[in-house]
Amino acid sequence: MSADKSGLTHIDASGEARMVDVGDKAETVRIATAEGHVKMKPETLALIRQGNAKKGDVIGTARLAGIMAAKQTANLIPLCHPLMLTKIAVDIAEDDTLPGLRVTATTKLTGRTGVEMEALTAVSVACLTIYDMAKAADRTMEIGGVRLLEKSGGKSGDFRHPEA
């Protein structure tokens, strides 16, 4: 994987976008974890907690949407490689300090390229699904804090967000 002089791996020497050739990279176990949150009114969180949202099970549906999204990342993000993920876990927890829901996604495979985009996509779509399912009760919800927490495997080694 070579980068242009800017250090960007998806831009060639002439400035054109390109998909990185990972064919010569070693297969390693690669894991990534990302997080995000949806802030909402306390009464909206209570509505979700009680299972009384008009559209149904907000947390279960958002978890499933995140899993499905991770599998579709290459169809959504240009230049991402289609991957055979071996694990996708999406966890959604209540956080009264927001107030709202915190979403964490972990993706894993043994392969030649990382799974950070899949974890980030899972979190993003899970958060969007929470918003969609609860918007009838609270249009002031705010999606935020979407970031990579950690990743392991591959040539670039391990990473852990300094604030994680």
N, C-alpha and C. Protein backbone atom coordinates (compact mmCIF):
# COMPACT_ATOMS: atom_id res chain seq x y z
N MET A 1 0.85 -1.17 0.00
CA MET A 1 0.00 0.00 0.00
C MET A 1 0.89 1.22 0.00
N SER A 2 0.86 1.96 -1.06
CA SER A 2 1.66 3.18 -1.11
C SER A 2 0.76 4.39 -1.05
N ALA A 3 1.28 5.41 -0.46
CA ALA A 3 0.52 6.66 -0.33
C ALA A 3 1.15 7.70 -1.22
N ASP A 4 0.37 8.70 -1.61
CA ASP A 4 0.95 9.81 -2.34
C ASP A 4 1.73 10.68 -1.36
N LYS A 5 2.29 11.78 -1.84
CA LYS A 5 3.14 12.62 -0.98
C LYS A 5 2.37 13.24 0.20
N SER A 6 1.03 13.28 0.13
CA SER A 6 0.25 13.82 1.24
C SER A 6 0.08 12.80 2.36
N GLY A 7 0.38 11.53 2.07
CA GLY A 7 0.19 10.48 3.06
C GLY A 7 -1.17 9.81 2.97
N LEU A 8 -2.00 10.24 2.04
CA LEU A 8 -3.32 9.63 1.87
C LEU A 8 -3.22 8.40 0.99
N THR A 9 -3.71 7.27 1.48
CA THR A 9 -3.56 6.00 0.76
C THR A 9 -4.55 5.83 -0.38
N HIS A 10 -5.63 6.59 -0.40
CA HIS A 10 -6.64 6.44 -1.44
C HIS A 10 -6.50 7.47 -2.56
N ILE A 11 -5.38 8.18 -2.57
CA ILE A 11 -5.10 9.17 -3.61
C ILE A 11 -3.77 8.79 -4.26
N ASP A 12 -3.76 8.69 -5.59
CA ASP A 12 -2.50 8.34 -6.27
C ASP A 12 -1.65 9.58 -6.51
N ALA A 13 -0.51 9.40 -7.14
CA ALA A 13 0.45 10.49 -7.34
C ALA A 13 -0.13 11.65 -8.15
N SER A 14 -1.12 11.36 -9.00
CA SER A 14 -1.72 12.42 -9.81
C SER A 14 -2.94 13.06 -9.13
N GLY A 15 -3.25 12.62 -7.90
CA GLY A 15 -4.36 13.20 -7.16
C GLY A 15 -5.69 12.51 -7.41
N GLU A 16 -5.68 11.39 -8.11
CA GLU A 16 -6.91 10.67 -8.41
C GLU A 16 -7.24 9.67 -7.30
N ALA A 17 -8.53 9.53 -7.02
CA ALA A 17 -8.98 8.55 -6.03
C ALA A 17 -8.78 7.14 -6.60
N ARG A 18 -8.39 6.23 -5.71
CA ARG A 18 -8.19 4.84 -6.13
C ARG A 18 -8.40 3.92 -4.94
N MET A 19 -8.75 2.68 -5.26
CA MET A 19 -8.88 1.66 -4.22
C MET A 19 -7.50 1.08 -3.98
N VAL A 20 -7.12 0.97 -2.71
CA VAL A 20 -5.81 0.46 -2.34
C VAL A 20 -5.71 -1.02 -2.68
N ASP A 21 -4.59 -1.44 -3.27
CA ASP A 21 -4.33 -2.85 -3.54
C ASP A 21 -3.78 -3.50 -2.27
N VAL A 22 -4.56 -4.37 -1.67
CA VAL A 22 -4.14 -5.03 -0.43
C VAL A 22 -3.68 -6.47 -0.69
N GLY A 23 -3.57 -6.84 -1.95
CA GLY A 23 -3.24 -8.21 -2.32
C GLY A 23 -1.95 -8.75 -1.74
N ASP A 24 -0.96 -7.92 -1.54
CA ASP A 24 0.34 -8.38 -1.02
C ASP A 24 0.46 -8.24 0.49
N LYS A 25 -0.56 -7.74 1.15
CA LYS A 25 -0.51 -7.57 2.60
C LYS A 25 -0.74 -8.92 3.29
N ALA A 26 -0.17 -9.06 4.46
CA ALA A 26 -0.34 -10.29 5.23
C ALA A 26 -1.73 -10.35 5.84
N GLU A 27 -2.28 -11.56 5.90
CA GLU A 27 -3.56 -11.74 6.59
C GLU A 27 -3.29 -11.77 8.09
N THR A 28 -3.99 -10.92 8.81
CA THR A 28 -3.89 -10.89 10.27
C THR A 28 -5.29 -10.73 10.84
N VAL A 29 -5.42 -11.04 12.12
CA VAL A 29 -6.69 -10.80 12.81
C VAL A 29 -6.80 -9.30 13.03
N ARG A 30 -7.91 -8.75 12.64
CA ARG A 30 -8.14 -7.31 12.73
C ARG A 30 -9.45 -7.07 13.47
N ILE A 31 -9.39 -6.20 14.45
CA ILE A 31 -10.54 -5.89 15.29
C ILE A 31 -10.63 -4.37 15.43
N ALA A 32 -11.84 -3.85 15.37
CA ALA A 32 -12.04 -2.41 15.58
C ALA A 32 -13.29 -2.20 16.44
N THR A 33 -13.22 -1.19 17.29
CA THR A 33 -14.36 -0.81 18.11
C THR A 33 -14.59 0.69 17.95
N ALA A 34 -15.85 1.04 17.71
CA ALA A 34 -16.24 2.44 17.56
C ALA A 34 -17.40 2.73 18.50
N GLU A 35 -17.64 4.02 18.74
CA GLU A 35 -18.75 4.41 19.60
C GLU A 35 -19.42 5.67 19.08
N GLY A 36 -20.61 5.91 19.59
CA GLY A 36 -21.37 7.13 19.32
C GLY A 36 -22.51 7.19 20.31
N HIS A 37 -23.29 8.27 20.24
CA HIS A 37 -24.42 8.38 21.17
C HIS A 37 -25.55 9.19 20.56
N VAL A 38 -26.71 9.02 21.15
CA VAL A 38 -27.87 9.82 20.79
C VAL A 38 -28.38 10.47 22.08
N LYS A 39 -28.27 11.80 22.14
CA LYS A 39 -28.82 12.56 23.27
C LYS A 39 -30.29 12.79 23.01
N MET A 40 -31.07 12.74 24.08
CA MET A 40 -32.51 12.93 23.95
C MET A 40 -33.08 13.45 25.26
N LYS A 41 -34.33 13.84 25.22
CA LYS A 41 -35.01 14.28 26.43
C LYS A 41 -35.14 13.08 27.38
N PRO A 42 -35.09 13.34 28.69
CA PRO A 42 -35.24 12.24 29.65
C PRO A 42 -36.53 11.45 29.44
N GLU A 43 -37.60 12.15 29.06
CA GLU A 43 -38.86 11.43 28.85
C GLU A 43 -38.83 10.54 27.61
N THR A 44 -38.01 10.90 26.63
CA THR A 44 -37.84 10.06 25.45
C THR A 44 -37.08 8.79 25.83
N LEU A 45 -36.04 8.95 26.62
CA LEU A 45 -35.29 7.78 27.11
C LEU A 45 -36.22 6.87 27.91
N ALA A 46 -37.05 7.45 28.74
CA ALA A 46 -38.00 6.65 29.53
C ALA A 46 -38.97 5.90 28.62
N LEU A 47 -39.45 6.55 27.58
CA LEU A 47 -40.35 5.93 26.61
C LEU A 47 -39.69 4.71 25.96
N ILE A 48 -38.43 4.87 25.56
CA ILE A 48 -37.68 3.77 24.95
C ILE A 48 -37.47 2.66 25.97
N ARG A 49 -37.08 3.03 27.18
CA ARG A 49 -36.84 2.06 28.25
C ARG A 49 -38.08 1.21 28.52
N GLN A 50 -39.24 1.85 28.50
CA GLN A 50 -40.50 1.16 28.78
C GLN A 50 -41.03 0.38 27.58
N GLY A 51 -40.39 0.56 26.41
CA GLY A 51 -40.84 -0.15 25.21
C GLY A 51 -42.10 0.43 24.61
N ASN A 52 -42.33 1.73 24.81
CA ASN A 52 -43.57 2.36 24.36
C ASN A 52 -43.41 3.24 23.12
N ALA A 53 -42.29 3.14 22.42
CA ALA A 53 -42.14 3.92 21.18
C ALA A 53 -43.12 3.41 20.14
N LYS A 54 -43.72 4.33 19.38
CA LYS A 54 -44.75 3.96 18.40
C LYS A 54 -44.26 2.94 17.37
N LYS A 55 -42.98 3.03 17.01
CA LYS A 55 -42.45 2.13 15.98
C LYS A 55 -41.96 0.79 16.52
N GLY A 56 -41.97 0.60 17.84
CA GLY A 56 -41.60 -0.70 18.40
C GLY A 56 -40.31 -0.67 19.19
N ASP A 57 -39.61 -1.78 19.19
CA ASP A 57 -38.39 -2.00 19.98
C ASP A 57 -37.23 -1.19 19.39
N VAL A 58 -36.98 -0.03 19.94
CA VAL A 58 -35.96 0.88 19.42
C VAL A 58 -34.57 0.26 19.52
N ILE A 59 -34.22 -0.24 20.68
CA ILE A 59 -32.87 -0.76 20.90
C ILE A 59 -32.61 -2.01 20.06
N GLY A 60 -33.53 -2.94 20.05
CA GLY A 60 -33.36 -4.16 19.26
C GLY A 60 -33.27 -3.88 17.77
N THR A 61 -34.11 -2.97 17.29
CA THR A 61 -34.09 -2.63 15.87
C THR A 61 -32.80 -1.90 15.50
N ALA A 62 -32.36 -0.98 16.36
CA ALA A 62 -31.12 -0.25 16.08
C ALA A 62 -29.92 -1.19 16.08
N ARG A 63 -29.90 -2.16 17.00
CA ARG A 63 -28.81 -3.13 17.03
C ARG A 63 -28.76 -3.91 15.72
N LEU A 64 -29.91 -4.38 15.27
CA LEU A 64 -29.97 -5.13 14.01
C LEU A 64 -29.56 -4.26 12.82
N ALA A 65 -30.01 -3.00 12.81
CA ALA A 65 -29.63 -2.07 11.73
C ALA A 65 -28.12 -1.86 11.69
N GLY A 66 -27.50 -1.73 12.86
CA GLY A 66 -26.05 -1.56 12.91
C GLY A 66 -25.31 -2.77 12.35
N ILE A 67 -25.78 -3.96 12.70
CA ILE A 67 -25.16 -5.19 12.18
C ILE A 67 -25.31 -5.25 10.67
N MET A 68 -26.50 -4.98 10.19
CA MET A 68 -26.73 -5.00 8.74
C MET A 68 -25.87 -3.95 8.03
N ALA A 69 -25.74 -2.78 8.63
CA ALA A 69 -24.95 -1.71 8.01
C ALA A 69 -23.48 -2.08 7.90
N ALA A 70 -22.93 -2.69 8.94
CA ALA A 70 -21.52 -3.10 8.89
C ALA A 70 -21.26 -4.00 7.69
N LYS A 71 -22.21 -4.89 7.40
CA LYS A 71 -22.06 -5.81 6.27
C LYS A 71 -22.18 -5.10 4.92
N GLN A 72 -22.73 -3.90 4.91
CA GLN A 72 -22.93 -3.15 3.67
C GLN A 72 -21.95 -2.01 3.47
N THR A 73 -20.95 -1.91 4.30
CA THR A 73 -20.05 -0.76 4.27
C THR A 73 -19.45 -0.52 2.89
N ALA A 74 -18.99 -1.56 2.23
CA ALA A 74 -18.37 -1.40 0.91
C ALA A 74 -19.36 -0.85 -0.12
N ASN A 75 -20.65 -1.03 0.10
CA ASN A 75 -21.66 -0.49 -0.81
C ASN A 75 -21.98 0.97 -0.50
N LEU A 76 -21.60 1.42 0.68
CA LEU A 76 -21.93 2.78 1.13
C LEU A 76 -20.76 3.76 1.05
N ILE A 77 -19.56 3.27 1.32
CA ILE A 77 -18.38 4.12 1.39
C ILE A 77 -17.48 3.83 0.18
N PRO A 78 -17.30 4.80 -0.70
CA PRO A 78 -16.46 4.55 -1.87
C PRO A 78 -15.05 4.11 -1.47
N LEU A 79 -14.50 3.20 -2.21
CA LEU A 79 -13.14 2.70 -2.08
C LEU A 79 -12.92 1.74 -0.91
N CYS A 80 -13.97 1.41 -0.16
CA CYS A 80 -13.84 0.39 0.88
C CYS A 80 -13.91 -1.00 0.23
N HIS A 81 -13.09 -1.91 0.73
CA HIS A 81 -13.10 -3.28 0.23
C HIS A 81 -14.29 -4.05 0.82
N PRO A 82 -14.92 -4.90 0.02
CA PRO A 82 -15.95 -5.77 0.58
C PRO A 82 -15.25 -6.81 1.47
N LEU A 83 -15.75 -6.99 2.68
CA LEU A 83 -15.07 -7.84 3.66
C LEU A 83 -15.96 -8.98 4.13
N MET A 84 -15.33 -10.08 4.47
CA MET A 84 -16.01 -11.23 5.08
C MET A 84 -15.83 -11.13 6.59
N LEU A 85 -16.67 -10.34 7.22
CA LEU A 85 -16.57 -10.14 8.66
C LEU A 85 -16.90 -11.44 9.39
N THR A 86 -16.15 -11.71 10.45
CA THR A 86 -16.42 -12.90 11.26
C THR A 86 -17.14 -12.55 12.55
N LYS A 87 -17.18 -11.25 12.88
CA LYS A 87 -17.90 -10.82 14.07
C LYS A 87 -18.37 -9.39 13.88
N ILE A 88 -19.61 -9.16 14.28
CA ILE A 88 -20.17 -7.81 14.39
C ILE A 88 -20.99 -7.80 15.67
N ALA A 89 -20.61 -6.98 16.61
CA ALA A 89 -21.38 -6.85 17.85
C ALA A 89 -21.75 -5.39 18.03
N VAL A 90 -23.02 -5.13 18.25
CA VAL A 90 -23.51 -3.77 18.48
C VAL A 90 -24.19 -3.76 19.85
N ASP A 91 -23.65 -2.95 20.74
CA ASP A 91 -24.20 -2.83 22.09
C ASP A 91 -24.77 -1.43 22.27
N ILE A 92 -25.94 -1.37 22.87
CA ILE A 92 -26.60 -0.09 23.11
C ILE A 92 -26.97 -0.03 24.59
N ALA A 93 -26.47 1.00 25.25
CA ALA A 93 -26.69 1.14 26.69
C ALA A 93 -27.29 2.49 27.01
N GLU A 94 -28.17 2.49 27.99
CA GLU A 94 -28.75 3.73 28.48
C GLU A 94 -27.69 4.53 29.24
N ASP A 95 -27.73 5.84 29.09
CA ASP A 95 -26.83 6.72 29.80
C ASP A 95 -27.63 7.93 30.28
N ASP A 96 -27.96 7.91 31.56
CA ASP A 96 -28.76 9.00 32.13
C ASP A 96 -28.00 10.32 32.16
N THR A 97 -26.67 10.28 32.07
CA THR A 97 -25.90 11.53 32.10
C THR A 97 -26.02 12.31 30.80
N LEU A 98 -26.36 11.65 29.69
CA LEU A 98 -26.51 12.37 28.42
C LEU A 98 -27.71 13.33 28.46
N PRO A 99 -28.91 12.95 28.72
CA PRO A 99 -29.45 11.60 28.75
C PRO A 99 -29.59 11.06 27.33
N GLY A 100 -29.56 9.72 27.23
CA GLY A 100 -29.70 9.10 25.93
C GLY A 100 -29.15 7.70 25.89
N LEU A 101 -28.74 7.30 24.70
CA LEU A 101 -28.23 5.96 24.46
C LEU A 101 -26.83 6.02 23.89
N ARG A 102 -25.94 5.18 24.42
CA ARG A 102 -24.58 5.04 23.90
C ARG A 102 -24.52 3.77 23.05
N VAL A 103 -23.93 3.89 21.88
CA VAL A 103 -23.82 2.78 20.95
C VAL A 103 -22.35 2.44 20.78
N THR A 104 -22.02 1.15 20.91
CA THR A 104 -20.67 0.66 20.68
C THR A 104 -20.75 -0.50 19.70
N ALA A 105 -19.84 -0.51 18.73
CA ALA A 105 -19.80 -1.61 17.75
C ALA A 105 -18.39 -2.15 17.65
N THR A 106 -18.28 -3.47 17.59
CA THR A 106 -17.00 -4.13 17.40
C THR A 106 -17.11 -5.03 16.18
N THR A 107 -16.12 -4.92 15.29
CA THR A 107 -16.07 -5.74 14.09
C THR A 107 -14.74 -6.49 14.06
N LYS A 108 -14.76 -7.66 13.41
CA LYS A 108 -13.56 -8.52 13.41
C LYS A 108 -13.52 -9.34 12.13
N LEU A 109 -12.30 -9.63 11.70
CA LEU A 109 -12.05 -10.58 10.63
C LEU A 109 -10.59 -10.99 10.63
N THR A 110 -10.27 -11.99 9.86
CA THR A 110 -8.89 -12.32 9.54
C THR A 110 -8.75 -11.96 8.07
N GLY A 111 -7.89 -10.97 7.78
CA GLY A 111 -7.80 -10.52 6.41
C GLY A 111 -6.67 -9.55 6.19
N ARG A 112 -6.72 -8.88 5.03
CA ARG A 112 -5.63 -8.00 4.58
C ARG A 112 -5.92 -6.51 4.76
N THR A 113 -7.08 -6.18 5.25
CA THR A 113 -7.42 -4.77 5.45
C THR A 113 -8.25 -4.61 6.72
N GLY A 114 -8.23 -3.42 7.28
CA GLY A 114 -8.86 -3.16 8.56
C GLY A 114 -10.38 -3.11 8.52
N VAL A 115 -10.96 -3.08 9.70
CA VAL A 115 -12.41 -3.11 9.84
C VAL A 115 -12.95 -1.87 10.57
N GLU A 116 -12.15 -0.79 10.56
CA GLU A 116 -12.57 0.43 11.24
C GLU A 116 -13.83 1.03 10.61
N MET A 117 -13.88 1.07 9.30
CA MET A 117 -15.03 1.68 8.63
C MET A 117 -16.31 0.89 8.90
N GLU A 118 -16.19 -0.42 9.03
CA GLU A 118 -17.36 -1.24 9.33
C GLU A 118 -17.90 -0.95 10.73
N ALA A 119 -16.99 -0.79 11.69
CA ALA A 119 -17.42 -0.46 13.06
C ALA A 119 -18.05 0.93 13.10
N LEU A 120 -17.44 1.90 12.43
CA LEU A 120 -17.98 3.26 12.39
C LEU A 120 -19.33 3.31 11.67
N THR A 121 -19.48 2.54 10.62
CA THR A 121 -20.75 2.50 9.89
C THR A 121 -21.84 1.87 10.75
N ALA A 122 -21.50 0.81 11.47
CA ALA A 122 -22.47 0.17 12.36
C ALA A 122 -22.98 1.15 13.40
N VAL A 123 -22.07 1.89 14.03
CA VAL A 123 -22.46 2.87 15.04
C VAL A 123 -23.33 3.96 14.42
N SER A 124 -22.92 4.48 13.29
CA SER A 124 -23.65 5.58 12.65
C SER A 124 -25.08 5.18 12.30
N VAL A 125 -25.24 4.03 11.70
CA VAL A 125 -26.58 3.59 11.28
C VAL A 125 -27.43 3.20 12.49
N ALA A 126 -26.83 2.63 13.52
CA ALA A 126 -27.59 2.34 14.73
C ALA A 126 -28.11 3.64 15.35
N CYS A 127 -27.26 4.66 15.39
CA CYS A 127 -27.70 5.96 15.92
C CYS A 127 -28.80 6.57 15.07
N LEU A 128 -28.66 6.50 13.76
CA LEU A 128 -29.70 7.02 12.86
C LEU A 128 -31.02 6.27 13.05
N THR A 129 -30.93 4.98 13.30
CA THR A 129 -32.14 4.18 13.51
C THR A 129 -32.83 4.57 14.82
N ILE A 130 -32.04 4.81 15.85
CA ILE A 130 -32.62 5.29 17.11
C ILE A 130 -33.38 6.59 16.86
N TYR A 131 -32.73 7.51 16.15
CA TYR A 131 -33.39 8.78 15.84
C TYR A 131 -34.69 8.54 15.07
N ASP A 132 -34.63 7.73 14.04
CA ASP A 132 -35.80 7.48 13.21
C ASP A 132 -36.95 6.90 14.03
N MET A 133 -36.64 5.96 14.90
CA MET A 133 -37.69 5.28 15.64
C MET A 133 -38.28 6.12 16.77
N ALA A 134 -37.55 7.12 17.24
CA ALA A 134 -38.03 7.92 18.37
C ALA A 134 -38.36 9.37 17.98
N LYS A 135 -38.20 9.71 16.72
CA LYS A 135 -38.40 11.11 16.31
C LYS A 135 -39.82 11.60 16.51
N ALA A 136 -40.79 10.73 16.51
CA ALA A 136 -42.17 11.17 16.75
C ALA A 136 -42.32 11.75 18.15
N ALA A 137 -41.51 11.27 19.07
CA ALA A 137 -41.56 11.75 20.45
C ALA A 137 -40.60 12.90 20.72
N ASP A 138 -39.51 12.99 19.91
CA ASP A 138 -38.46 13.96 20.23
C ASP A 138 -37.64 14.30 18.99
N ARG A 139 -37.97 15.38 18.35
CA ARG A 139 -37.21 15.80 17.15
C ARG A 139 -35.95 16.58 17.52
N THR A 140 -35.73 16.81 18.80
CA THR A 140 -34.53 17.55 19.23
C THR A 140 -33.36 16.62 19.54
N MET A 141 -33.51 15.33 19.31
CA MET A 141 -32.40 14.41 19.58
C MET A 141 -31.16 14.83 18.80
N GLU A 142 -30.02 14.49 19.35
CA GLU A 142 -28.74 14.86 18.74
C GLU A 142 -27.83 13.64 18.68
N ILE A 143 -27.33 13.37 17.49
CA ILE A 143 -26.37 12.28 17.29
C ILE A 143 -24.97 12.87 17.38
N GLY A 144 -24.08 12.23 18.12
CA GLY A 144 -22.73 12.77 18.24
C GLY A 144 -21.74 11.76 18.75
N GLY A 145 -20.51 12.23 18.88
CA GLY A 145 -19.45 11.44 19.47
C GLY A 145 -19.04 10.21 18.69
N VAL A 146 -19.34 10.16 17.40
CA VAL A 146 -18.97 8.98 16.61
C VAL A 146 -17.47 9.01 16.38
N ARG A 147 -16.79 7.97 16.86
CA ARG A 147 -15.33 7.91 16.75
C ARG A 147 -14.84 6.49 16.90
N LEU A 148 -13.64 6.27 16.38
CA LEU A 148 -12.95 4.99 16.56
C LEU A 148 -12.34 4.97 17.95
N LEU A 149 -12.65 3.94 18.72
CA LEU A 149 -12.07 3.81 20.05
C LEU A 149 -10.75 3.06 20.02
N GLU A 150 -10.73 1.96 19.26
CA GLU A 150 -9.49 1.19 19.17
C GLU A 150 -9.54 0.27 17.97
N LYS A 151 -8.34 -0.12 17.55
CA LYS A 151 -8.21 -1.09 16.47
C LYS A 151 -6.92 -1.86 16.68
N SER A 152 -6.91 -3.09 16.21
CA SER A 152 -5.71 -3.90 16.30
C SER A 152 -5.55 -4.71 15.02
N GLY A 153 -4.31 -5.11 14.78
CA GLY A 153 -3.99 -5.90 13.59
C GLY A 153 -3.50 -5.05 12.46
N GLY A 154 -2.79 -5.69 11.56
CA GLY A 154 -2.31 -5.00 10.38
C GLY A 154 -0.97 -4.33 10.56
N LYS A 155 -0.46 -3.82 9.45
CA LYS A 155 0.86 -3.20 9.39
C LYS A 155 0.99 -1.98 10.29
N SER A 156 -0.08 -1.20 10.41
CA SER A 156 0.01 0.03 11.20
C SER A 156 -0.08 -0.24 12.71
N GLY A 157 -0.36 -1.46 13.09
CA GLY A 157 -0.36 -1.82 14.51
C GLY A 157 -1.62 -1.41 15.23
N ASP A 158 -1.51 -1.36 16.54
CA ASP A 158 -2.66 -1.09 17.39
C ASP A 158 -2.85 0.41 17.58
N PHE A 159 -4.11 0.78 17.83
CA PHE A 159 -4.47 2.17 18.10
C PHE A 159 -5.50 2.16 19.21
N ARG A 160 -5.39 3.08 20.11
CA ARG A 160 -6.41 3.31 21.15
C ARG A 160 -6.60 4.82 21.26
N HIS A 161 -7.86 5.25 21.15
CA HIS A 161 -8.17 6.67 21.24
C HIS A 161 -7.69 7.18 22.59
N PRO A 162 -6.99 8.32 22.62
CA PRO A 162 -6.45 8.83 23.88
C PRO A 162 -7.50 9.12 24.94
N GLU A 163 -8.74 9.36 24.54
CA GLU A 163 -9.80 9.66 25.50
C GLU A 163 -10.66 8.45 25.83
N ALA A 164 -10.31 7.30 25.27
CA ALA A 164 -11.13 6.09 25.49
C ALA A 164 -10.86 5.49 26.84
